[in-house]
Amino acid sequence: MTHHAYVYAGPKEEGIQGALAFVEAELGLSPQNNPDVTVFEYGHLSVDDARRITTFVAQAPVTGDKKAVIISAGRLFHEAQNALLKVFEEPSEGTTLILVIPAEGMLLPTLRSRLISLASEKINGTDSAPEFLQLPKAERAKFVEKLLVRTKADKDADKQAARLEVLALVEGITRAVYAARADKTGNTEELDLLLDELSRFLPILHERSAPLKLIFEHLLLVLPEKLGK
């Protein structure tokens, strides 16, 4: 069980190769001569392009029950992003979508909130979720407290960097929960409930007024002490 929509921000070729590697490792779909692994490449992705992608995504897999669609775009018009909202929120059964773009800042908040980042642009080059999940509950609380203090920094640049770290942390936790669910290394019903909650929190975290303290207080209560094997 994996999330269904991702974004890879970085150089085009690196992004496509990273997306293909993710598809093979996480979905078990070989990119070689596989009709269920498709790459679309655009300089400027238009509304018409977005509509064609939506039609393609609606089609069933050819050889099995899973397919992956990788969409690389140098630019995305706002109208095209709006046209992609529905398909990135609810693609057809078994479909995983990966958007490859130069930078996440080019995305509208409504589209970005539907996506989980792949390992491309990590804050300070690191992903703090594995470290966070290894901590005992008391230390997790201290970790979160320090991070939330930084989201209230006097300098706007420091404040925004901390908020991006908050988002990266919750996305990393979400990936870890999906991995545990796929490996069946825990109570699957509890993990499903946790994934439902995380999916509701992620869009909220893109809002400037997101109640970060309340969200993390809840996560600290519901996250299991050990996630995975």
C-alpha atoms as a PDB file:
ATOM      1  CA  MET A   1       0.000   0.000   0.000  1.00  0.00           C
ATOM      2  CA  THR A   2       1.503   3.333  -1.074  1.00  0.00           C
ATOM      3  CA  HIS A   3       0.353   6.875  -1.498  1.00  0.00           C
ATOM      4  CA  HIS A   4      -0.901   7.580  -5.016  1.00  0.00           C
ATOM      5  CA  ALA A   5       0.548  11.018  -5.879  1.00  0.00           C
ATOM      6  CA  TYR A   6       4.112  12.303  -5.576  1.00  0.00           C
ATOM      7  CA  VAL A   7       6.260  15.212  -6.691  1.00  0.00           C
ATOM      8  CA  TYR A   8       9.971  15.153  -7.519  1.00  0.00           C
ATOM      9  CA  ALA A   9      11.537  18.609  -7.655  1.00  0.00           C
ATOM     10  CA  GLY A  10      14.867  18.865  -9.407  1.00  0.00           C
ATOM     11  CA  PRO A  11      16.623  18.438 -12.764  1.00  0.00           C
ATOM     12  CA  LYS A  12      14.478  16.771 -15.409  1.00  0.00           C
ATOM     13  CA  GLU A  13      16.566  13.687 -16.253  1.00  0.00           C
ATOM     14  CA  GLU A  14      17.484  13.096 -12.616  1.00  0.00           C
ATOM     15  CA  GLY A  15      13.834  13.420 -11.683  1.00  0.00           C
ATOM     16  CA  ILE A  16      12.590  10.981 -14.319  1.00  0.00           C
ATOM     17  CA  GLN A  17      15.243   8.405 -13.407  1.00  0.00           C
ATOM     18  CA  GLY A  18      14.458   8.849  -9.720  1.00  0.00           C
ATOM     19  CA  ALA A  19      10.756   8.403 -10.411  1.00  0.00           C
ATOM     20  CA  LEU A  20      11.402   5.243 -12.452  1.00  0.00           C
ATOM     21  CA  ALA A  21      13.582   3.844  -9.678  1.00  0.00           C
ATOM     22  CA  PHE A  22      10.828   4.560  -7.160  1.00  0.00           C
ATOM     23  CA  VAL A  23       8.241   2.841  -9.369  1.00  0.00           C
ATOM     24  CA  GLU A  24      10.403  -0.277  -9.632  1.00  0.00           C
ATOM     25  CA  ALA A  25      11.366  -0.396  -5.946  1.00  0.00           C
ATOM     26  CA  GLU A  26       8.036   0.539  -4.379  1.00  0.00           C
ATOM     27  CA  LEU A  27       5.487  -0.755  -6.909  1.00  0.00           C
ATOM     28  CA  GLY A  28       7.392  -3.684  -8.361  1.00  0.00           C
ATOM     29  CA  LEU A  29       6.865  -2.398 -11.899  1.00  0.00           C
ATOM     30  CA  SER A  30       9.849  -2.788 -14.188  1.00  0.00           C
ATOM     31  CA  PRO A  31      10.254   0.294 -16.396  1.00  0.00           C
ATOM     32  CA  GLN A  32      11.675  -1.777 -19.253  1.00  0.00           C
ATOM     33  CA  ASN A  33       9.147  -2.274 -22.077  1.00  0.00           C
ATOM     34  CA  ASN A  34       6.272  -2.103 -19.617  1.00  0.00           C
ATOM     35  CA  PRO A  35       3.000  -0.664 -20.978  1.00  0.00           C
ATOM     36  CA  ASP A  36       1.940   0.100 -17.391  1.00  0.00           C
ATOM     37  CA  VAL A  37       4.851   2.526 -16.839  1.00  0.00           C
ATOM     38  CA  THR A  38       4.364   5.693 -18.890  1.00  0.00           C
ATOM     39  CA  VAL A  39       6.434   8.882 -19.018  1.00  0.00           C
ATOM     40  CA  PHE A  40       4.974  12.110 -20.414  1.00  0.00           C
ATOM     41  CA  GLU A  41       7.428  14.954 -21.064  1.00  0.00           C
ATOM     42  CA  TYR A  42       6.394  18.576 -21.630  1.00  0.00           C
ATOM     43  CA  GLY A  43       8.133  21.926 -21.871  1.00  0.00           C
ATOM     44  CA  HIS A  44       4.919  23.794 -21.002  1.00  0.00           C
ATOM     45  CA  LEU A  45       2.058  21.630 -19.786  1.00  0.00           C
ATOM     46  CA  SER A  46      -1.191  23.117 -21.105  1.00  0.00           C
ATOM     47  CA  VAL A  47      -4.840  22.584 -20.201  1.00  0.00           C
ATOM     48  CA  ASP A  48      -5.246  20.338 -23.249  1.00  0.00           C
ATOM     49  CA  ASP A  49      -2.246  18.290 -22.107  1.00  0.00           C
ATOM     50  CA  ALA A  50      -3.765  17.984 -18.635  1.00  0.00           C
ATOM     51  CA  ARG A  51      -7.046  16.748 -20.114  1.00  0.00           C
ATOM     52  CA  ARG A  52      -5.251  14.142 -22.225  1.00  0.00           C
ATOM     53  CA  ILE A  53      -3.384  12.946 -19.130  1.00  0.00           C
ATOM     54  CA  THR A  54      -6.658  12.712 -17.203  1.00  0.00           C
ATOM     55  CA  THR A  55      -8.172  10.560 -19.956  1.00  0.00           C
ATOM     56  CA  PHE A  56      -5.113   8.315 -20.020  1.00  0.00           C
ATOM     57  CA  VAL A  57      -5.031   7.906 -16.238  1.00  0.00           C
ATOM     58  CA  ALA A  58      -8.667   6.754 -16.283  1.00  0.00           C
ATOM     59  CA  GLN A  59      -7.707   3.702 -18.369  1.00  0.00           C
ATOM     60  CA  ALA A  60      -7.139   0.380 -16.603  1.00  0.00           C
ATOM     61  CA  PRO A  61      -3.651  -1.172 -16.351  1.00  0.00           C
ATOM     62  CA  VAL A  62      -2.726  -3.376 -19.299  1.00  0.00           C
ATOM     63  CA  THR A  63      -0.909  -6.314 -17.702  1.00  0.00           C
ATOM     64  CA  GLY A  64      -1.798  -6.302 -14.011  1.00  0.00           C
ATOM     65  CA  ASP A  65      -3.534  -4.291 -11.308  1.00  0.00           C
ATOM     66  CA  LYS A  66      -1.027  -1.417 -11.055  1.00  0.00           C
ATOM     67  CA  LYS A  67       0.307   1.275 -13.331  1.00  0.00           C
ATOM     68  CA  ALA A  68       2.518   4.339 -12.944  1.00  0.00           C
ATOM     69  CA  VAL A  69       2.285   7.632 -14.818  1.00  0.00           C
ATOM     70  CA  ILE A  70       5.256   9.999 -14.642  1.00  0.00           C
ATOM     71  CA  ILE A  71       4.633  13.555 -15.814  1.00  0.00           C
ATOM     72  CA  SER A  72       7.654  15.779 -16.421  1.00  0.00           C
ATOM     73  CA  ALA A  73       7.018  19.477 -17.049  1.00  0.00           C
ATOM     74  CA  GLY A  74       9.279  22.510 -17.227  1.00  0.00           C
ATOM     75  CA  ARG A  75       6.288  24.754 -16.589  1.00  0.00           C
ATOM     76  CA  LEU A  76       2.650  24.190 -15.717  1.00  0.00           C
ATOM     77  CA  PHE A  77       0.053  26.829 -16.472  1.00  0.00           C
ATOM     78  CA  HIS A  78      -2.261  27.507 -13.529  1.00  0.00           C
ATOM     79  CA  GLU A  79      -5.246  26.404 -15.572  1.00  0.00           C
ATOM     80  CA  ALA A  80      -3.487  23.104 -16.300  1.00  0.00           C
ATOM     81  CA  GLN A  81      -2.766  22.586 -12.603  1.00  0.00           C
ATOM     82  CA  ASN A  82      -6.418  23.167 -11.795  1.00  0.00           C
ATOM     83  CA  ALA A  83      -7.378  20.645 -14.480  1.00  0.00           C
ATOM     84  CA  LEU A  84      -5.135  18.048 -12.799  1.00  0.00           C
ATOM     85  CA  LEU A  85      -6.511  18.511  -9.284  1.00  0.00           C
ATOM     86  CA  LYS A  86      -9.181  15.814  -9.446  1.00  0.00           C
ATOM     87  CA  VAL A  87      -7.000  13.142 -11.027  1.00  0.00           C
ATOM     88  CA  PHE A  88      -4.204  13.750  -8.504  1.00  0.00           C
ATOM     89  CA  GLU A  89      -6.708  13.531  -5.665  1.00  0.00           C
ATOM     90  CA  GLU A  90      -8.479  10.390  -6.874  1.00  0.00           C
ATOM     91  CA  PRO A  91      -6.745   8.584  -9.746  1.00  0.00           C
ATOM     92  CA  SER A  92      -8.135   5.320 -11.075  1.00  0.00           C
ATOM     93  CA  GLU A  93      -7.670   2.215  -8.940  1.00  0.00           C
ATOM     94  CA  GLY A  94      -4.060   1.002  -8.818  1.00  0.00           C
ATOM     95  CA  THR A  95      -2.596   4.126 -10.451  1.00  0.00           C
ATOM     96  CA  THR A  96       0.392   6.009  -9.025  1.00  0.00           C
ATOM     97  CA  LEU A  97       1.186   9.494 -10.350  1.00  0.00           C
ATOM     98  CA  ILE A  98       4.568  11.203 -10.112  1.00  0.00           C
ATOM     99  CA  LEU A  99       5.042  14.827 -11.149  1.00  0.00           C
ATOM    100  CA  VAL A 100       8.609  15.857 -12.062  1.00  0.00           C
ATOM    101  CA  ILE A 101       9.193  19.618 -12.027  1.00  0.00           C
ATOM    102  CA  PRO A 102      12.132  22.027 -11.537  1.00  0.00           C
ATOM    103  CA  ALA A 103      10.915  23.372  -8.161  1.00  0.00           C
ATOM    104  CA  GLU A 104       7.977  22.837  -5.831  1.00  0.00           C
ATOM    105  CA  GLY A 105       7.400  26.589  -5.583  1.00  0.00           C
ATOM    106  CA  MET A 106       5.885  26.606  -9.077  1.00  0.00           C
ATOM    107  CA  LEU A 107       2.886  24.568  -7.866  1.00  0.00           C
ATOM    108  CA  LEU A 108      -0.400  26.036  -6.730  1.00  0.00           C
ATOM    109  CA  PRO A 109      -1.048  25.243  -3.047  1.00  0.00           C
ATOM    110  CA  THR A 110      -4.183  23.284  -3.994  1.00  0.00           C
ATOM    111  CA  LEU A 111      -2.194  20.880  -6.198  1.00  0.00           C
ATOM    112  CA  ARG A 112       0.873  20.748  -3.935  1.00  0.00           C
ATOM    113  CA  SER A 113      -1.289  19.689  -0.994  1.00  0.00           C
ATOM    114  CA  ARG A 114      -2.229  16.491  -2.824  1.00  0.00           C
ATOM    115  CA  LEU A 115       1.383  15.415  -3.319  1.00  0.00           C
ATOM    116  CA  ILE A 116       4.069  13.822  -1.184  1.00  0.00           C
ATOM    117  CA  SER A 117       7.670  14.737  -1.968  1.00  0.00           C
ATOM    118  CA  LEU A 118      10.046  12.079  -3.179  1.00  0.00           C
ATOM    119  CA  ALA A 119      13.662  12.202  -2.046  1.00  0.00           C
ATOM    120  CA  SER A 120      14.746  15.203  -4.098  1.00  0.00           C
ATOM    121  CA  GLU A 121      14.925  18.552  -2.327  1.00  0.00           C
ATOM    122  CA  LYS A 122      15.361  17.686   1.357  1.00  0.00           C
ATOM    123  CA  ILE A 123      15.674  20.449   3.913  1.00  0.00           C
ATOM    124  CA  ASN A 124      19.412  20.879   4.569  1.00  0.00           C
ATOM    125  CA  GLY A 125      19.935  17.664   2.605  1.00  0.00           C
ATOM    126  CA  THR A 126      18.321  15.438   5.228  1.00  0.00           C
ATOM    127  CA  ASP A 127      15.025  13.744   5.968  1.00  0.00           C
ATOM    128  CA  SER A 128      14.281  14.067   9.680  1.00  0.00           C
ATOM    129  CA  ALA A 129      11.406  11.562   9.786  1.00  0.00           C
ATOM    130  CA  PRO A 130      13.532   8.400  10.306  1.00  0.00           C
ATOM    131  CA  GLU A 131      15.397  10.077  13.175  1.00  0.00           C
ATOM    132  CA  PHE A 132      12.139  11.347  14.684  1.00  0.00           C
ATOM    133  CA  LEU A 133      10.436   7.944  14.530  1.00  0.00           C
ATOM    134  CA  GLN A 134      13.335   6.250  16.306  1.00  0.00           C
ATOM    135  CA  LEU A 135      12.959   8.543  19.324  1.00  0.00           C
ATOM    136  CA  PRO A 136      10.987   7.565  22.435  1.00  0.00           C
ATOM    137  CA  LYS A 137       7.764   9.531  22.930  1.00  0.00           C
ATOM    138  CA  ALA A 138       9.269  12.014  25.399  1.00  0.00           C
ATOM    139  CA  GLU A 139      12.114  12.843  23.016  1.00  0.00           C
ATOM    140  CA  ARG A 140       9.685  13.170  20.110  1.00  0.00           C
ATOM    141  CA  ALA A 141       7.852  15.838  22.074  1.00  0.00           C
ATOM    142  CA  LYS A 142      11.112  17.767  22.637  1.00  0.00           C
ATOM    143  CA  PHE A 143      11.965  17.441  18.938  1.00  0.00           C
ATOM    144  CA  VAL A 144       8.592  18.896  17.959  1.00  0.00           C
ATOM    145  CA  GLU A 145       8.790  21.667  20.556  1.00  0.00           C
ATOM    146  CA  LYS A 146      12.116  22.909  19.170  1.00  0.00           C
ATOM    147  CA  LEU A 147      10.790  22.802  15.620  1.00  0.00           C
ATOM    148  CA  LEU A 148       7.616  24.713  16.496  1.00  0.00           C
ATOM    149  CA  VAL A 149       9.630  27.405  18.267  1.00  0.00           C
ATOM    150  CA  ARG A 150      11.532  27.957  15.031  1.00  0.00           C
ATOM    151  CA  THR A 151       8.257  28.411  13.092  1.00  0.00           C
ATOM    152  CA  LYS A 152       7.768  31.578  15.171  1.00  0.00           C
ATOM    153  CA  ALA A 153      11.199  33.059  14.443  1.00  0.00           C
ATOM    154  CA  ASP A 154      11.549  36.802  13.965  1.00  0.00           C
ATOM    155  CA  LYS A 155      13.129  36.484  10.528  1.00  0.00           C
ATOM    156  CA  ASP A 156      10.638  35.477   7.867  1.00  0.00           C
ATOM    157  CA  ALA A 157      13.216  33.344   6.037  1.00  0.00           C
ATOM    158  CA  ASP A 158      13.895  31.321   9.195  1.00  0.00           C
ATOM    159  CA  LYS A 159      10.181  30.983   9.850  1.00  0.00           C
ATOM    160  CA  GLN A 160       9.457  29.715   6.341  1.00  0.00           C
ATOM    161  CA  ALA A 161      12.380  27.264   6.440  1.00  0.00           C
ATOM    162  CA  ALA A 162      11.025  25.810   9.678  1.00  0.00           C
ATOM    163  CA  ARG A 163       7.541  25.474   8.210  1.00  0.00           C
ATOM    164  CA  LEU A 164       9.006  23.595   5.246  1.00  0.00           C
ATOM    165  CA  GLU A 165      10.734  21.285   7.725  1.00  0.00           C
ATOM    166  CA  VAL A 166       7.374  20.705   9.417  1.00  0.00           C
ATOM    167  CA  LEU A 167       5.865  19.726   6.085  1.00  0.00           C
ATOM    168  CA  ALA A 168       8.825  17.487   5.197  1.00  0.00           C
ATOM    169  CA  LEU A 169       8.605  15.775   8.589  1.00  0.00           C
ATOM    170  CA  VAL A 170       4.901  14.965   8.260  1.00  0.00           C
ATOM    171  CA  GLU A 171       5.400  13.788   4.675  1.00  0.00           C
ATOM    172  CA  GLY A 172       8.248  11.553   5.871  1.00  0.00           C
ATOM    173  CA  ILE A 173       6.061  10.138   8.629  1.00  0.00           C
ATOM    174  CA  THR A 174       3.347   9.477   6.055  1.00  0.00           C
ATOM    175  CA  ARG A 175       5.783   7.574   3.818  1.00  0.00           C
ATOM    176  CA  ALA A 176       6.913   5.514   6.809  1.00  0.00           C
ATOM    177  CA  VAL A 177       3.318   4.640   7.752  1.00  0.00           C
ATOM    178  CA  TYR A 178       2.560   3.601   4.161  1.00  0.00           C
ATOM    179  CA  ALA A 179       5.687   1.402   4.210  1.00  0.00           C
ATOM    180  CA  ALA A 180       4.656  -0.216   7.500  1.00  0.00           C
ATOM    181  CA  ARG A 181       1.171  -0.796   6.116  1.00  0.00           C
ATOM    182  CA  ALA A 182       2.587  -2.400   2.964  1.00  0.00           C
ATOM    183  CA  ASP A 183       4.887  -4.642   5.015  1.00  0.00           C
ATOM    184  CA  LYS A 184       2.029  -5.497   7.400  1.00  0.00           C
ATOM    185  CA  THR A 185       4.311  -4.728  10.341  1.00  0.00           C
ATOM    186  CA  GLY A 186       1.686  -3.497  12.748  1.00  0.00           C
ATOM    187  CA  ASN A 187      -2.019  -3.264  13.407  1.00  0.00           C
ATOM    188  CA  THR A 188      -3.322  -2.606   9.903  1.00  0.00           C
ATOM    189  CA  GLU A 189      -6.578  -1.078  11.115  1.00  0.00           C
ATOM    190  CA  GLU A 190      -4.712   1.402  13.317  1.00  0.00           C
ATOM    191  CA  LEU A 191      -2.321   2.225  10.481  1.00  0.00           C
ATOM    192  CA  ASP A 192      -5.243   2.814   8.099  1.00  0.00           C
ATOM    193  CA  LEU A 193      -6.817   5.218  10.597  1.00  0.00           C
ATOM    194  CA  LEU A 194      -3.481   6.987  11.002  1.00  0.00           C
ATOM    195  CA  LEU A 195      -3.114   7.331   7.216  1.00  0.00           C
ATOM    196  CA  ASP A 196      -6.606   8.839   7.023  1.00  0.00           C
ATOM    197  CA  GLU A 197      -5.636  11.426   9.621  1.00  0.00           C
ATOM    198  CA  LEU A 198      -2.316  12.207   7.960  1.00  0.00           C
ATOM    199  CA  SER A 199      -4.067  12.673   4.605  1.00  0.00           C
ATOM    200  CA  ARG A 200      -6.303  15.289   6.248  1.00  0.00           C
ATOM    201  CA  PHE A 201      -3.403  17.059   7.954  1.00  0.00           C
ATOM    202  CA  LEU A 202      -1.149  17.389   4.890  1.00  0.00           C
ATOM    203  CA  PRO A 203      -3.326  19.886   2.965  1.00  0.00           C
ATOM    204  CA  ILE A 204      -3.818  21.948   6.153  1.00  0.00           C
ATOM    205  CA  LEU A 205      -0.055  22.211   6.659  1.00  0.00           C
ATOM    206  CA  HIS A 206       0.188  24.240   3.445  1.00  0.00           C
ATOM    207  CA  GLU A 207      -1.934  26.989   4.990  1.00  0.00           C
ATOM    208  CA  ARG A 208      -0.231  29.864   6.783  1.00  0.00           C
ATOM    209  CA  SER A 209      -2.775  29.610   9.597  1.00  0.00           C
ATOM    210  CA  ALA A 210      -2.308  25.847  10.126  1.00  0.00           C
ATOM    211  CA  PRO A 211      -2.672  24.948  13.852  1.00  0.00           C
ATOM    212  CA  LEU A 212       0.729  23.268  14.034  1.00  0.00           C
ATOM    213  CA  LYS A 213       0.733  22.814  17.810  1.00  0.00           C
ATOM    214  CA  LEU A 214      -2.635  21.043  17.824  1.00  0.00           C
ATOM    215  CA  ILE A 215      -1.716  18.842  14.874  1.00  0.00           C
ATOM    216  CA  PHE A 216       1.510  17.676  16.475  1.00  0.00           C
ATOM    217  CA  GLU A 217      -0.074  17.198  19.872  1.00  0.00           C
ATOM    218  CA  HIS A 218      -2.479  14.787  18.215  1.00  0.00           C
ATOM    219  CA  LEU A 219       0.234  13.021  16.190  1.00  0.00           C
ATOM    220  CA  LEU A 220       2.375  12.534  19.277  1.00  0.00           C
ATOM    221  CA  LEU A 221      -0.575  10.754  20.907  1.00  0.00           C
ATOM    222  CA  VAL A 222      -1.511   8.470  18.012  1.00  0.00           C
ATOM    223  CA  LEU A 223       1.848   7.588  16.495  1.00  0.00           C
ATOM    224  CA  PRO A 224       2.971   4.117  17.616  1.00  0.00           C
ATOM    225  CA  GLU A 225       6.210   3.899  19.557  1.00  0.00           C
ATOM    226  CA  LYS A 226       7.661   1.664  16.865  1.00  0.00           C
ATOM    227  CA  LEU A 227       6.816   1.824  13.191  1.00  0.00           C
ATOM    228  CA  GLY A 228       7.820  -1.035  10.965  1.00  0.00           C
ATOM    229  CA  LYS A 229      10.192  -3.911  11.603  1.00  0.00           C
END
